[in-house]
Amino acid sequence: MLLLAFDTATPAVTAAVLDTETGTVLASADQVDARRHGELLLPTLDAVLREAGTPKEKLGAIVVGVGPGPYTGLRVGLATAAALGHALGIPVHGVCTLDGVARAARDAGVTGPFVAATDARRKEVYWARYDADGVRVEGPAVDRPAEIADRVSGLASVGAGALLYPETFPDALPEAPAHQSAAALAAYAADALASGAPLLPPTPLYLRRPDAEVPKNYKTVLPA
């Protein structure tokens, strides 16, 4: 089966096509631009499908990162996944974005228990803790770094969120991938599907309210 995986929950717009029978990533693309998810995603999907030589009609499933992540970027990926899945009549599976970051770190050689953290803005991080086998054992959660310092003390850490706050994550690994990788996301999903492990529904893990909200006490202006 051919999987199309993508994620827009971090500053990266990332997409990949993976053949589940061989475990081969046929094509992948990653661009870091936190302000252009909506502009970049569809051209990126088209590019990886062309590079893989895979018409979208041959896809067997779609895998999408469900966050946690900022509201605006996250909904771009989820809405696109829902539309493609409906149009093609194929299942859409969700994967926690931090699980993809952790899988990319493991694929890059990170061993032992560690923490994955991404930038949540507002001086906060989205984070989760993983055991020596890369299995999530805590999180996902959103917190100010200082509030979780004791809980992550002594652990290696990966991700852009960890690199932003060295006082909380002194053992951050700069050589590990800082952002999401759709190739790792696809590999994670392929392993779960092969083992019969459940994946997430393609619904967002926001963990907090969006930055933009309707004012609570605005005045209405009625015509005279």
N, C-alpha and C. Protein backbone atom coordinates (compact mmCIF):
# COMPACT_ATOMS: atom_id res chain seq x y z
N MET A 1 0.84 -1.19 0.00
CA MET A 1 0.00 0.00 0.00
C MET A 1 0.88 1.25 0.00
N LEU A 2 0.43 2.27 -0.68
CA LEU A 2 1.13 3.54 -0.73
C LEU A 2 0.48 4.52 0.24
N LEU A 3 1.29 5.09 1.13
CA LEU A 3 0.83 6.08 2.10
C LEU A 3 1.31 7.46 1.68
N LEU A 4 0.41 8.43 1.73
CA LEU A 4 0.79 9.84 1.60
C LEU A 4 0.69 10.44 2.99
N ALA A 5 1.81 10.93 3.50
CA ALA A 5 1.85 11.51 4.84
C ALA A 5 2.24 12.98 4.76
N PHE A 6 1.62 13.80 5.60
CA PHE A 6 2.01 15.21 5.66
C PHE A 6 1.61 15.80 7.01
N ASP A 7 2.24 16.94 7.32
CA ASP A 7 2.03 17.58 8.62
C ASP A 7 2.28 19.07 8.47
N THR A 8 1.40 19.86 9.10
CA THR A 8 1.58 21.32 9.11
C THR A 8 1.45 21.87 10.53
N ALA A 9 1.71 21.03 11.53
CA ALA A 9 1.55 21.45 12.92
C ALA A 9 2.78 22.13 13.50
N THR A 10 3.89 22.11 12.78
CA THR A 10 5.10 22.82 13.19
C THR A 10 5.44 23.84 12.11
N PRO A 11 6.50 24.63 12.25
CA PRO A 11 6.85 25.54 11.17
C PRO A 11 7.18 24.85 9.85
N ALA A 12 7.38 23.53 9.89
CA ALA A 12 7.70 22.80 8.66
C ALA A 12 6.43 22.37 7.93
N VAL A 13 6.46 22.54 6.62
CA VAL A 13 5.46 21.91 5.74
C VAL A 13 6.17 20.70 5.14
N THR A 14 5.75 19.51 5.55
CA THR A 14 6.48 18.31 5.20
C THR A 14 5.53 17.26 4.64
N ALA A 15 5.98 16.55 3.60
CA ALA A 15 5.16 15.53 2.94
C ALA A 15 6.05 14.41 2.45
N ALA A 16 5.48 13.20 2.39
CA ALA A 16 6.25 12.04 1.94
C ALA A 16 5.30 10.97 1.42
N VAL A 17 5.81 10.15 0.52
CA VAL A 17 5.09 8.97 0.02
C VAL A 17 5.90 7.75 0.43
N LEU A 18 5.25 6.78 1.07
CA LEU A 18 5.93 5.58 1.55
C LEU A 18 5.22 4.33 1.04
N ASP A 19 6.01 3.37 0.60
CA ASP A 19 5.50 2.06 0.19
C ASP A 19 5.54 1.15 1.40
N THR A 20 4.38 0.76 1.93
CA THR A 20 4.35 -0.02 3.16
C THR A 20 4.88 -1.44 2.96
N GLU A 21 4.85 -1.96 1.75
CA GLU A 21 5.32 -3.33 1.52
C GLU A 21 6.83 -3.44 1.67
N THR A 22 7.54 -2.40 1.24
CA THR A 22 9.00 -2.43 1.31
C THR A 22 9.56 -1.52 2.40
N GLY A 23 8.71 -0.63 2.94
CA GLY A 23 9.19 0.34 3.91
C GLY A 23 10.01 1.45 3.29
N THR A 24 9.92 1.59 1.96
CA THR A 24 10.73 2.57 1.24
C THR A 24 10.01 3.90 1.12
N VAL A 25 10.71 4.98 1.46
CA VAL A 25 10.19 6.32 1.21
C VAL A 25 10.47 6.66 -0.25
N LEU A 26 9.44 6.76 -1.04
CA LEU A 26 9.59 7.01 -2.47
C LEU A 26 9.90 8.46 -2.79
N ALA A 27 9.43 9.36 -1.94
CA ALA A 27 9.70 10.78 -2.14
C ALA A 27 9.37 11.52 -0.86
N SER A 28 10.08 12.61 -0.61
CA SER A 28 9.79 13.43 0.56
C SER A 28 10.24 14.86 0.30
N ALA A 29 9.61 15.79 1.00
CA ALA A 29 9.97 17.20 0.86
C ALA A 29 9.66 17.90 2.17
N ASP A 30 10.54 18.82 2.56
CA ASP A 30 10.39 19.56 3.82
C ASP A 30 10.74 21.02 3.56
N GLN A 31 9.85 21.91 3.97
CA GLN A 31 10.12 23.34 3.88
C GLN A 31 9.72 23.98 5.21
N VAL A 32 10.59 24.80 5.75
CA VAL A 32 10.29 25.47 7.03
C VAL A 32 9.89 26.91 6.75
N ASP A 33 8.62 27.19 6.98
CA ASP A 33 8.08 28.54 6.79
C ASP A 33 6.77 28.62 7.55
N ALA A 34 6.82 29.14 8.76
CA ALA A 34 5.67 29.11 9.66
C ALA A 34 4.49 29.94 9.17
N ARG A 35 4.71 30.82 8.18
CA ARG A 35 3.64 31.72 7.74
C ARG A 35 2.98 31.32 6.42
N ARG A 36 3.43 30.21 5.81
CA ARG A 36 2.94 29.91 4.46
C ARG A 36 2.44 28.47 4.30
N HIS A 37 1.90 27.91 5.38
CA HIS A 37 1.41 26.54 5.28
C HIS A 37 0.38 26.38 4.17
N GLY A 38 -0.58 27.32 4.12
CA GLY A 38 -1.64 27.24 3.13
C GLY A 38 -1.13 27.35 1.70
N GLU A 39 -0.10 28.14 1.49
CA GLU A 39 0.46 28.31 0.15
C GLU A 39 1.32 27.13 -0.27
N LEU A 40 2.01 26.53 0.68
CA LEU A 40 3.03 25.53 0.33
C LEU A 40 2.52 24.10 0.30
N LEU A 41 1.46 23.79 1.05
CA LEU A 41 1.11 22.38 1.21
C LEU A 41 0.72 21.70 -0.09
N LEU A 42 -0.23 22.23 -0.83
CA LEU A 42 -0.68 21.54 -2.05
C LEU A 42 0.43 21.41 -3.09
N PRO A 43 1.23 22.46 -3.35
CA PRO A 43 2.36 22.26 -4.28
C PRO A 43 3.35 21.21 -3.77
N THR A 44 3.54 21.13 -2.46
CA THR A 44 4.45 20.13 -1.91
C THR A 44 3.89 18.73 -2.11
N LEU A 45 2.60 18.55 -1.88
CA LEU A 45 1.97 17.24 -2.11
C LEU A 45 2.08 16.84 -3.57
N ASP A 46 1.83 17.78 -4.45
CA ASP A 46 1.94 17.49 -5.88
C ASP A 46 3.37 17.10 -6.24
N ALA A 47 4.35 17.78 -5.66
CA ALA A 47 5.75 17.51 -5.97
C ALA A 47 6.16 16.11 -5.52
N VAL A 48 5.76 15.70 -4.31
CA VAL A 48 6.19 14.37 -3.84
C VAL A 48 5.47 13.26 -4.60
N LEU A 49 4.22 13.48 -4.99
CA LEU A 49 3.52 12.47 -5.78
C LEU A 49 4.16 12.32 -7.16
N ARG A 50 4.56 13.44 -7.75
CA ARG A 50 5.23 13.38 -9.06
C ARG A 50 6.59 12.69 -8.93
N GLU A 51 7.35 13.05 -7.91
CA GLU A 51 8.67 12.44 -7.73
C GLU A 51 8.55 10.94 -7.50
N ALA A 52 7.52 10.53 -6.76
CA ALA A 52 7.32 9.11 -6.47
C ALA A 52 6.73 8.36 -7.66
N GLY A 53 6.27 9.11 -8.67
CA GLY A 53 5.61 8.47 -9.81
C GLY A 53 4.30 7.82 -9.41
N THR A 54 3.60 8.46 -8.48
CA THR A 54 2.38 7.89 -7.91
C THR A 54 1.18 8.79 -8.19
N PRO A 55 0.30 8.40 -9.09
CA PRO A 55 -0.95 9.14 -9.22
C PRO A 55 -1.73 9.05 -7.91
N LYS A 56 -2.42 10.11 -7.56
CA LYS A 56 -3.12 10.10 -6.27
C LYS A 56 -4.17 9.00 -6.19
N GLU A 57 -4.65 8.55 -7.34
CA GLU A 57 -5.65 7.47 -7.35
C GLU A 57 -5.08 6.14 -6.88
N LYS A 58 -3.76 6.01 -6.84
CA LYS A 58 -3.13 4.76 -6.39
C LYS A 58 -2.81 4.75 -4.91
N LEU A 59 -3.09 5.85 -4.23
CA LEU A 59 -2.84 5.91 -2.79
C LEU A 59 -3.80 4.99 -2.06
N GLY A 60 -3.28 4.34 -1.01
CA GLY A 60 -4.13 3.47 -0.21
C GLY A 60 -4.62 4.11 1.07
N ALA A 61 -3.92 5.13 1.54
CA ALA A 61 -4.31 5.80 2.79
C ALA A 61 -3.55 7.11 2.90
N ILE A 62 -4.07 7.97 3.75
CA ILE A 62 -3.43 9.26 4.06
C ILE A 62 -3.13 9.29 5.55
N VAL A 63 -1.96 9.80 5.90
CA VAL A 63 -1.55 9.96 7.29
C VAL A 63 -1.29 11.45 7.51
N VAL A 64 -1.88 12.01 8.55
CA VAL A 64 -1.71 13.44 8.80
C VAL A 64 -1.36 13.68 10.26
N GLY A 65 -0.45 14.61 10.49
CA GLY A 65 -0.11 15.01 11.85
C GLY A 65 -1.27 15.79 12.45
N VAL A 66 -1.68 15.42 13.65
CA VAL A 66 -2.85 16.05 14.28
C VAL A 66 -2.46 17.01 15.39
N GLY A 67 -1.16 17.33 15.48
CA GLY A 67 -0.71 18.23 16.51
C GLY A 67 -0.24 17.48 17.74
N PRO A 68 -0.02 18.18 18.82
CA PRO A 68 -0.43 19.57 19.06
C PRO A 68 0.36 20.56 18.22
N GLY A 69 -0.32 21.67 17.93
CA GLY A 69 0.30 22.71 17.13
C GLY A 69 -0.59 23.93 17.09
N PRO A 70 -0.07 25.03 16.58
CA PRO A 70 -0.87 26.26 16.45
C PRO A 70 -2.09 26.04 15.57
N TYR A 71 -3.17 26.69 15.93
CA TYR A 71 -4.47 26.48 15.29
C TYR A 71 -4.41 26.67 13.78
N THR A 72 -3.86 27.78 13.33
CA THR A 72 -3.92 28.10 11.90
C THR A 72 -3.17 27.10 11.05
N GLY A 73 -1.93 26.78 11.42
CA GLY A 73 -1.18 25.83 10.62
C GLY A 73 -1.77 24.44 10.67
N LEU A 74 -2.20 24.02 11.84
CA LEU A 74 -2.71 22.67 12.00
C LEU A 74 -3.95 22.41 11.15
N ARG A 75 -4.86 23.38 11.10
CA ARG A 75 -6.11 23.15 10.37
C ARG A 75 -5.87 23.05 8.87
N VAL A 76 -4.78 23.64 8.35
CA VAL A 76 -4.47 23.52 6.93
C VAL A 76 -4.27 22.06 6.55
N GLY A 77 -3.43 21.36 7.33
CA GLY A 77 -3.16 19.96 7.04
C GLY A 77 -4.37 19.08 7.24
N LEU A 78 -5.11 19.30 8.33
CA LEU A 78 -6.26 18.45 8.62
C LEU A 78 -7.38 18.63 7.60
N ALA A 79 -7.64 19.86 7.20
CA ALA A 79 -8.68 20.10 6.20
C ALA A 79 -8.29 19.49 4.86
N THR A 80 -7.02 19.59 4.50
CA THR A 80 -6.55 19.01 3.24
C THR A 80 -6.66 17.49 3.28
N ALA A 81 -6.27 16.88 4.41
CA ALA A 81 -6.36 15.43 4.54
C ALA A 81 -7.80 14.96 4.43
N ALA A 82 -8.71 15.66 5.08
CA ALA A 82 -10.12 15.27 5.03
C ALA A 82 -10.67 15.37 3.61
N ALA A 83 -10.30 16.44 2.91
CA ALA A 83 -10.79 16.63 1.54
C ALA A 83 -10.24 15.56 0.60
N LEU A 84 -8.95 15.28 0.71
CA LEU A 84 -8.34 14.27 -0.16
C LEU A 84 -8.90 12.87 0.15
N GLY A 85 -9.03 12.56 1.42
CA GLY A 85 -9.55 11.25 1.79
C GLY A 85 -10.96 11.05 1.27
N HIS A 86 -11.78 12.08 1.38
CA HIS A 86 -13.16 11.99 0.89
C HIS A 86 -13.19 11.85 -0.63
N ALA A 87 -12.39 12.67 -1.31
CA ALA A 87 -12.39 12.63 -2.78
C ALA A 87 -11.89 11.31 -3.33
N LEU A 88 -10.90 10.71 -2.66
CA LEU A 88 -10.30 9.47 -3.15
C LEU A 88 -10.95 8.23 -2.56
N GLY A 89 -11.79 8.41 -1.55
CA GLY A 89 -12.43 7.26 -0.92
C GLY A 89 -11.47 6.36 -0.17
N ILE A 90 -10.48 6.96 0.49
CA ILE A 90 -9.48 6.18 1.22
C ILE A 90 -9.44 6.65 2.68
N PRO A 91 -8.97 5.79 3.59
CA PRO A 91 -8.94 6.18 5.00
C PRO A 91 -7.91 7.26 5.29
N VAL A 92 -8.21 8.06 6.30
CA VAL A 92 -7.29 9.10 6.78
C VAL A 92 -6.96 8.79 8.23
N HIS A 93 -5.68 8.62 8.52
CA HIS A 93 -5.23 8.29 9.87
C HIS A 93 -4.49 9.47 10.49
N GLY A 94 -4.69 9.67 11.78
CA GLY A 94 -3.97 10.73 12.47
C GLY A 94 -2.82 10.17 13.30
N VAL A 95 -1.76 10.96 13.41
CA VAL A 95 -0.63 10.63 14.27
C VAL A 95 -0.25 11.88 15.05
N CYS A 96 -0.01 11.72 16.34
CA CYS A 96 0.47 12.85 17.15
C CYS A 96 1.76 13.38 16.55
N THR A 97 1.81 14.67 16.32
CA THR A 97 2.99 15.28 15.71
C THR A 97 4.25 15.01 16.52
N LEU A 98 4.16 15.03 17.83
CA LEU A 98 5.33 14.76 18.66
C LEU A 98 5.82 13.33 18.49
N ASP A 99 4.91 12.39 18.20
CA ASP A 99 5.34 11.02 17.93
C ASP A 99 6.16 10.95 16.64
N GLY A 100 5.79 11.79 15.67
CA GLY A 100 6.59 11.85 14.45
C GLY A 100 7.97 12.45 14.69
N VAL A 101 8.03 13.50 15.51
CA VAL A 101 9.31 14.11 15.86
C VAL A 101 10.18 13.09 16.60
N ALA A 102 9.55 12.35 17.51
CA ALA A 102 10.30 11.33 18.26
C ALA A 102 10.79 10.22 17.34
N ARG A 103 9.97 9.80 16.39
CA ARG A 103 10.39 8.74 15.46
C ARG A 103 11.56 9.23 14.60
N ALA A 104 11.51 10.48 14.16
CA ALA A 104 12.61 11.03 13.38
C ALA A 104 13.90 11.05 14.21
N ALA A 105 13.77 11.37 15.50
CA ALA A 105 14.94 11.38 16.38
C ALA A 105 15.51 9.97 16.53
N ARG A 106 14.65 9.00 16.72
CA ARG A 106 15.11 7.61 16.84
C ARG A 106 15.79 7.16 15.55
N ASP A 107 15.19 7.52 14.41
CA ASP A 107 15.78 7.14 13.13
C ASP A 107 17.14 7.80 12.93
N ALA A 108 17.34 8.96 13.59
CA ALA A 108 18.62 9.66 13.48
C ALA A 108 19.65 9.16 14.48
N GLY A 109 19.27 8.16 15.30
CA GLY A 109 20.23 7.55 16.21
C GLY A 109 20.07 7.91 17.67
N VAL A 110 19.03 8.67 18.03
CA VAL A 110 18.82 9.01 19.44
C VAL A 110 18.39 7.75 20.19
N THR A 111 19.02 7.48 21.32
CA THR A 111 18.71 6.30 22.11
C THR A 111 18.35 6.70 23.53
N GLY A 112 17.75 5.76 24.25
CA GLY A 112 17.42 5.99 25.64
C GLY A 112 16.17 6.83 25.81
N PRO A 113 15.71 7.01 27.03
CA PRO A 113 14.56 7.89 27.28
C PRO A 113 14.87 9.31 26.86
N PHE A 114 13.87 10.00 26.34
CA PHE A 114 14.08 11.38 25.91
C PHE A 114 12.75 12.12 25.87
N VAL A 115 12.85 13.42 25.67
CA VAL A 115 11.68 14.30 25.56
C VAL A 115 11.69 14.93 24.17
N ALA A 116 10.51 15.01 23.56
CA ALA A 116 10.35 15.76 22.31
C ALA A 116 9.55 17.01 22.62
N ALA A 117 10.00 18.15 22.11
CA ALA A 117 9.32 19.42 22.38
C ALA A 117 9.31 20.30 21.14
N THR A 118 8.17 20.91 20.88
CA THR A 118 8.05 21.86 19.77
C THR A 118 7.62 23.21 20.33
N ASP A 119 7.83 24.25 19.55
CA ASP A 119 7.52 25.61 19.98
C ASP A 119 6.00 25.83 19.96
N ALA A 120 5.43 26.17 21.11
CA ALA A 120 4.00 26.44 21.20
C ALA A 120 3.71 27.93 21.21
N ARG A 121 4.75 28.75 21.03
CA ARG A 121 4.61 30.21 21.12
C ARG A 121 4.14 30.58 22.53
N ARG A 122 3.86 31.85 22.77
CA ARG A 122 3.45 32.33 24.09
C ARG A 122 4.43 31.89 25.19
N LYS A 123 5.70 31.67 24.82
CA LYS A 123 6.73 31.22 25.76
C LYS A 123 6.38 29.87 26.37
N GLU A 124 5.74 29.01 25.57
CA GLU A 124 5.37 27.67 26.00
C GLU A 124 5.90 26.64 25.01
N VAL A 125 5.88 25.39 25.42
CA VAL A 125 6.26 24.29 24.52
C VAL A 125 5.18 23.21 24.56
N TYR A 126 5.00 22.56 23.42
CA TYR A 126 4.28 21.30 23.38
C TYR A 126 5.33 20.21 23.62
N TRP A 127 5.04 19.26 24.48
CA TRP A 127 6.06 18.29 24.80
C TRP A 127 5.45 16.93 25.15
N ALA A 128 6.28 15.90 25.04
CA ALA A 128 5.92 14.55 25.45
C ALA A 128 7.19 13.82 25.82
N ARG A 129 7.06 12.82 26.70
CA ARG A 129 8.21 12.05 27.16
C ARG A 129 8.12 10.63 26.60
N TYR A 130 9.26 10.09 26.19
CA TYR A 130 9.34 8.77 25.56
C TYR A 130 10.30 7.87 26.32
N ASP A 131 9.99 6.56 26.33
CA ASP A 131 10.88 5.63 27.02
C ASP A 131 12.01 5.19 26.10
N ALA A 132 12.81 4.24 26.54
CA ALA A 132 13.98 3.81 25.79
C ALA A 132 13.63 3.17 24.45
N ASP A 133 12.38 2.70 24.33
CA ASP A 133 11.94 2.10 23.07
C ASP A 133 11.23 3.10 22.16
N GLY A 134 11.20 4.37 22.56
CA GLY A 134 10.54 5.39 21.75
C GLY A 134 9.04 5.41 21.90
N VAL A 135 8.51 4.79 22.95
CA VAL A 135 7.07 4.77 23.20
C VAL A 135 6.70 5.94 24.11
N ARG A 136 5.66 6.67 23.72
CA ARG A 136 5.26 7.83 24.52
C ARG A 136 4.69 7.37 25.86
N VAL A 137 5.22 7.96 26.95
CA VAL A 137 4.79 7.58 28.29
C VAL A 137 4.19 8.76 29.06
N GLU A 138 4.29 9.95 28.51
CA GLU A 138 3.69 11.13 29.14
C GLU A 138 3.43 12.18 28.08
N GLY A 139 2.29 12.86 28.19
CA GLY A 139 1.93 13.87 27.22
C GLY A 139 1.06 13.30 26.11
N PRO A 140 0.74 14.12 25.11
CA PRO A 140 1.25 15.48 24.90
C PRO A 140 0.62 16.49 25.85
N ALA A 141 1.39 17.54 26.11
CA ALA A 141 0.94 18.61 26.99
C ALA A 141 1.54 19.92 26.52
N VAL A 142 0.98 21.02 27.02
CA VAL A 142 1.53 22.34 26.73
C VAL A 142 1.80 23.03 28.06
N ASP A 143 3.02 23.53 28.22
CA ASP A 143 3.41 24.15 29.48
C ASP A 143 4.51 25.18 29.23
N ARG A 144 4.68 26.06 30.23
CA ARG A 144 5.86 26.91 30.23
C ARG A 144 7.07 26.04 30.61
N PRO A 145 8.19 26.24 29.95
CA PRO A 145 9.35 25.37 30.21
C PRO A 145 9.72 25.26 31.68
N ALA A 146 9.70 26.39 32.39
CA ALA A 146 10.10 26.35 33.80
C ALA A 146 9.20 25.46 34.63
N GLU A 147 7.95 25.29 34.20
CA GLU A 147 7.00 24.49 34.98
C GLU A 147 7.26 22.99 34.87
N ILE A 148 8.02 22.57 33.87
CA ILE A 148 8.27 21.14 33.68
C ILE A 148 9.74 20.77 33.86
N ALA A 149 10.53 21.72 34.34
CA ALA A 149 11.98 21.50 34.46
C ALA A 149 12.29 20.26 35.29
N ASP A 150 11.58 20.07 36.40
CA ASP A 150 11.86 18.92 37.26
C ASP A 150 11.46 17.62 36.58
N ARG A 151 10.41 17.65 35.75
CA ARG A 151 9.90 16.43 35.12
C ARG A 151 10.77 15.97 33.96
N VAL A 152 11.53 16.88 33.36
CA VAL A 152 12.38 16.50 32.23
C VAL A 152 13.86 16.51 32.58
N SER A 153 14.16 16.79 33.84
CA SER A 153 15.56 16.88 34.27
C SER A 153 16.29 15.56 34.02
N GLY A 154 17.49 15.67 33.46
CA GLY A 154 18.33 14.51 33.23
C GLY A 154 18.02 13.74 31.97
N LEU A 155 17.02 14.18 31.21
CA LEU A 155 16.65 13.49 29.98
C LEU A 155 17.20 14.22 28.76
N ALA A 156 17.62 13.47 27.77
CA ALA A 156 17.94 14.07 26.48
C ALA A 156 16.65 14.64 25.89
N SER A 157 16.78 15.61 25.02
CA SER A 157 15.59 16.22 24.42
C SER A 157 15.85 16.55 22.96
N VAL A 158 14.77 16.55 22.19
CA VAL A 158 14.86 16.82 20.76
C VAL A 158 13.74 17.78 20.37
N GLY A 159 13.92 18.43 19.24
CA GLY A 159 12.89 19.32 18.72
C GLY A 159 13.22 20.78 18.92
N ALA A 160 12.57 21.62 18.11
CA ALA A 160 12.83 23.06 18.15
C ALA A 160 12.47 23.67 19.50
N GLY A 161 11.45 23.14 20.17
CA GLY A 161 11.07 23.66 21.47
C GLY A 161 12.17 23.47 22.49
N ALA A 162 12.82 22.32 22.45
CA ALA A 162 13.92 22.06 23.38
C ALA A 162 15.11 22.98 23.11
N LEU A 163 15.38 23.24 21.84
CA LEU A 163 16.51 24.11 21.49
C LEU A 163 16.27 25.55 21.89
N LEU A 164 15.00 25.95 22.00
CA LEU A 164 14.67 27.33 22.37
C LEU A 164 14.91 27.62 23.85
N TYR A 165 14.87 26.60 24.68
CA TYR A 165 14.93 26.81 26.13
C TYR A 165 16.01 25.92 26.76
N PRO A 166 17.27 26.27 26.55
CA PRO A 166 18.37 25.44 27.06
C PRO A 166 18.42 25.37 28.57
N GLU A 167 17.84 26.36 29.26
CA GLU A 167 17.85 26.32 30.72
C GLU A 167 16.96 25.18 31.25
N THR A 168 15.91 24.85 30.50
CA THR A 168 15.04 23.73 30.88
C THR A 168 15.48 22.43 30.25
N PHE A 169 16.03 22.53 29.04
CA PHE A 169 16.45 21.34 28.29
C PHE A 169 17.96 21.41 28.03
N PRO A 170 18.78 21.32 29.07
CA PRO A 170 20.23 21.46 28.88
C PRO A 170 20.84 20.33 28.07
N ASP A 171 20.14 19.21 27.97
CA ASP A 171 20.66 18.07 27.22
C ASP A 171 19.99 17.94 25.85
N ALA A 172 19.55 19.08 25.30
CA ALA A 172 18.96 19.06 23.96
C ALA A 172 20.00 18.62 22.94
N LEU A 173 19.56 17.87 21.94
CA LEU A 173 20.46 17.31 20.93
C LEU A 173 20.32 18.08 19.63
N PRO A 174 21.24 19.01 19.35
CA PRO A 174 21.11 19.83 18.15
C PRO A 174 21.26 19.03 16.86
N GLU A 175 21.86 17.84 16.94
CA GLU A 175 22.03 17.04 15.73
C GLU A 175 20.76 16.30 15.34
N ALA A 176 19.79 16.20 16.26
CA ALA A 176 18.52 15.54 15.95
C ALA A 176 17.63 16.49 15.14
N PRO A 177 16.69 15.96 14.35
CA PRO A 177 15.80 16.83 13.57
C PRO A 177 15.04 17.80 14.48
N ALA A 178 15.00 19.06 14.09
CA ALA A 178 14.33 20.07 14.91
C ALA A 178 12.84 20.12 14.66
N HIS A 179 12.42 19.79 13.43
CA HIS A 179 11.01 19.90 13.06
C HIS A 179 10.46 18.54 12.63
N GLN A 180 9.21 18.54 12.31
CA GLN A 180 8.54 17.32 11.88
C GLN A 180 9.11 16.79 10.58
N SER A 181 9.04 15.48 10.41
CA SER A 181 9.44 14.82 9.17
C SER A 181 8.32 13.90 8.74
N ALA A 182 7.73 14.16 7.57
CA ALA A 182 6.64 13.31 7.09
C ALA A 182 7.11 11.90 6.80
N ALA A 183 8.38 11.75 6.43
CA ALA A 183 8.92 10.41 6.20
C ALA A 183 8.87 9.60 7.50
N ALA A 184 9.24 10.22 8.63
CA ALA A 184 9.17 9.55 9.92
C ALA A 184 7.73 9.32 10.34
N LEU A 185 6.87 10.29 10.05
CA LEU A 185 5.45 10.16 10.36
C LEU A 185 4.85 8.96 9.62
N ALA A 186 5.20 8.82 8.33
CA ALA A 186 4.70 7.71 7.53
C ALA A 186 5.23 6.38 8.06
N ALA A 187 6.52 6.34 8.43
CA ALA A 187 7.10 5.10 8.97
C ALA A 187 6.43 4.70 10.28
N TYR A 188 6.16 5.67 11.12
CA TYR A 188 5.45 5.40 12.38
C TYR A 188 4.08 4.80 12.10
N ALA A 189 3.34 5.41 11.18
CA ALA A 189 2.00 4.92 10.86
C ALA A 189 2.04 3.55 10.21
N ALA A 190 3.00 3.32 9.34
CA ALA A 190 3.12 2.02 8.67
C ALA A 190 3.37 0.91 9.68
N ASP A 191 4.24 1.17 10.66
CA ASP A 191 4.51 0.18 11.69
C ASP A 191 3.25 -0.10 12.53
N ALA A 192 2.51 0.95 12.85
CA ALA A 192 1.29 0.78 13.64
C ALA A 192 0.25 -0.03 12.87
N LEU A 193 0.08 0.29 11.59
CA LEU A 193 -0.89 -0.44 10.78
C LEU A 193 -0.51 -1.91 10.63
N ALA A 194 0.79 -2.16 10.47
CA ALA A 194 1.25 -3.54 10.30
C ALA A 194 1.05 -4.37 11.56
N SER A 195 1.16 -3.73 12.72
CA SER A 195 1.02 -4.45 13.98
C SER A 195 -0.41 -4.47 14.51
N GLY A 196 -1.29 -3.73 13.84
CA GLY A 196 -2.67 -3.65 14.30
C GLY A 196 -2.89 -2.66 15.42
N ALA A 197 -1.87 -1.85 15.73
CA ALA A 197 -2.01 -0.84 16.77
C ALA A 197 -2.92 0.29 16.27
N PRO A 198 -3.76 0.83 17.13
CA PRO A 198 -4.67 1.88 16.68
C PRO A 198 -3.94 3.19 16.42
N LEU A 199 -4.38 3.90 15.41
CA LEU A 199 -3.91 5.26 15.16
C LEU A 199 -5.01 6.24 15.60
N LEU A 200 -4.68 7.51 15.60
CA LEU A 200 -5.63 8.52 16.05
C LEU A 200 -6.61 8.90 14.95
N PRO A 201 -7.78 9.39 15.31
CA PRO A 201 -8.66 9.97 14.29
C PRO A 201 -8.05 11.27 13.78
N PRO A 202 -8.39 11.68 12.57
CA PRO A 202 -7.81 12.91 12.02
C PRO A 202 -8.50 14.16 12.55
N THR A 203 -8.44 14.33 13.85
CA THR A 203 -9.01 15.50 14.52
C THR A 203 -7.91 16.19 15.31
N PRO A 204 -8.01 17.50 15.48
CA PRO A 204 -6.88 18.26 16.02
C PRO A 204 -6.66 18.09 17.52
N LEU A 205 -5.37 18.04 17.90
CA LEU A 205 -4.96 18.13 19.29
C LEU A 205 -4.50 19.58 19.52
N TYR A 206 -5.44 20.44 19.87
CA TYR A 206 -5.06 21.85 20.06
C TYR A 206 -4.42 22.08 21.42
N LEU A 207 -4.96 21.48 22.48
CA LEU A 207 -4.51 21.59 23.87
C LEU A 207 -4.78 22.96 24.48
N ARG A 208 -5.11 23.95 23.68
CA ARG A 208 -5.47 25.25 24.23
C ARG A 208 -6.28 26.00 23.19
N ARG A 209 -6.86 27.12 23.60
CA ARG A 209 -7.71 27.90 22.71
C ARG A 209 -6.85 28.62 21.66
N PRO A 210 -7.43 28.95 20.48
CA PRO A 210 -6.66 29.66 19.46
C PRO A 210 -6.26 31.06 19.90
N ASP A 211 -5.20 31.57 19.27
CA ASP A 211 -4.72 32.91 19.60
C ASP A 211 -5.77 33.98 19.26
N ALA A 212 -6.46 33.82 18.14
CA ALA A 212 -7.46 34.79 17.70
C ALA A 212 -8.83 34.40 18.22
N GLU A 213 -9.46 35.28 18.96
CA GLU A 213 -10.78 35.00 19.52
C GLU A 213 -11.69 36.20 19.30
N VAL A 214 -13.00 35.93 19.27
CA VAL A 214 -13.98 37.01 19.17
C VAL A 214 -14.00 37.77 20.49
N PRO A 215 -13.93 39.11 20.46
CA PRO A 215 -13.97 39.88 21.71
C PRO A 215 -15.23 39.55 22.51
N LYS A 216 -15.09 39.47 23.84
CA LYS A 216 -16.22 39.05 24.67
C LYS A 216 -17.22 40.18 24.91
N ASN A 217 -16.76 41.40 24.96
CA ASN A 217 -17.66 42.50 25.34
C ASN A 217 -17.74 43.59 24.27
N TYR A 218 -17.81 43.11 23.00
CA TYR A 218 -17.90 44.12 21.94
C TYR A 218 -19.32 44.67 21.87
N LYS A 219 -19.45 45.90 21.36
CA LYS A 219 -20.74 46.57 21.23
C LYS A 219 -21.27 46.39 19.82
N THR A 220 -22.53 46.06 19.71
CA THR A 220 -23.16 45.98 18.40
C THR A 220 -23.68 47.34 18.01
N VAL A 221 -23.63 47.64 16.73
CA VAL A 221 -24.10 48.92 16.22
C VAL A 221 -25.32 48.65 15.35
N LEU A 222 -26.47 49.14 15.80
CA LEU A 222 -27.71 48.91 15.06
C LEU A 222 -28.02 50.13 14.21
N PRO A 223 -28.63 49.91 13.04
CA PRO A 223 -28.99 51.07 12.20
C PRO A 223 -30.05 51.91 12.89
N ALA A 224 -29.98 53.21 12.68
CA ALA A 224 -30.95 54.14 13.32
C ALA A 224 -32.32 53.96 12.71
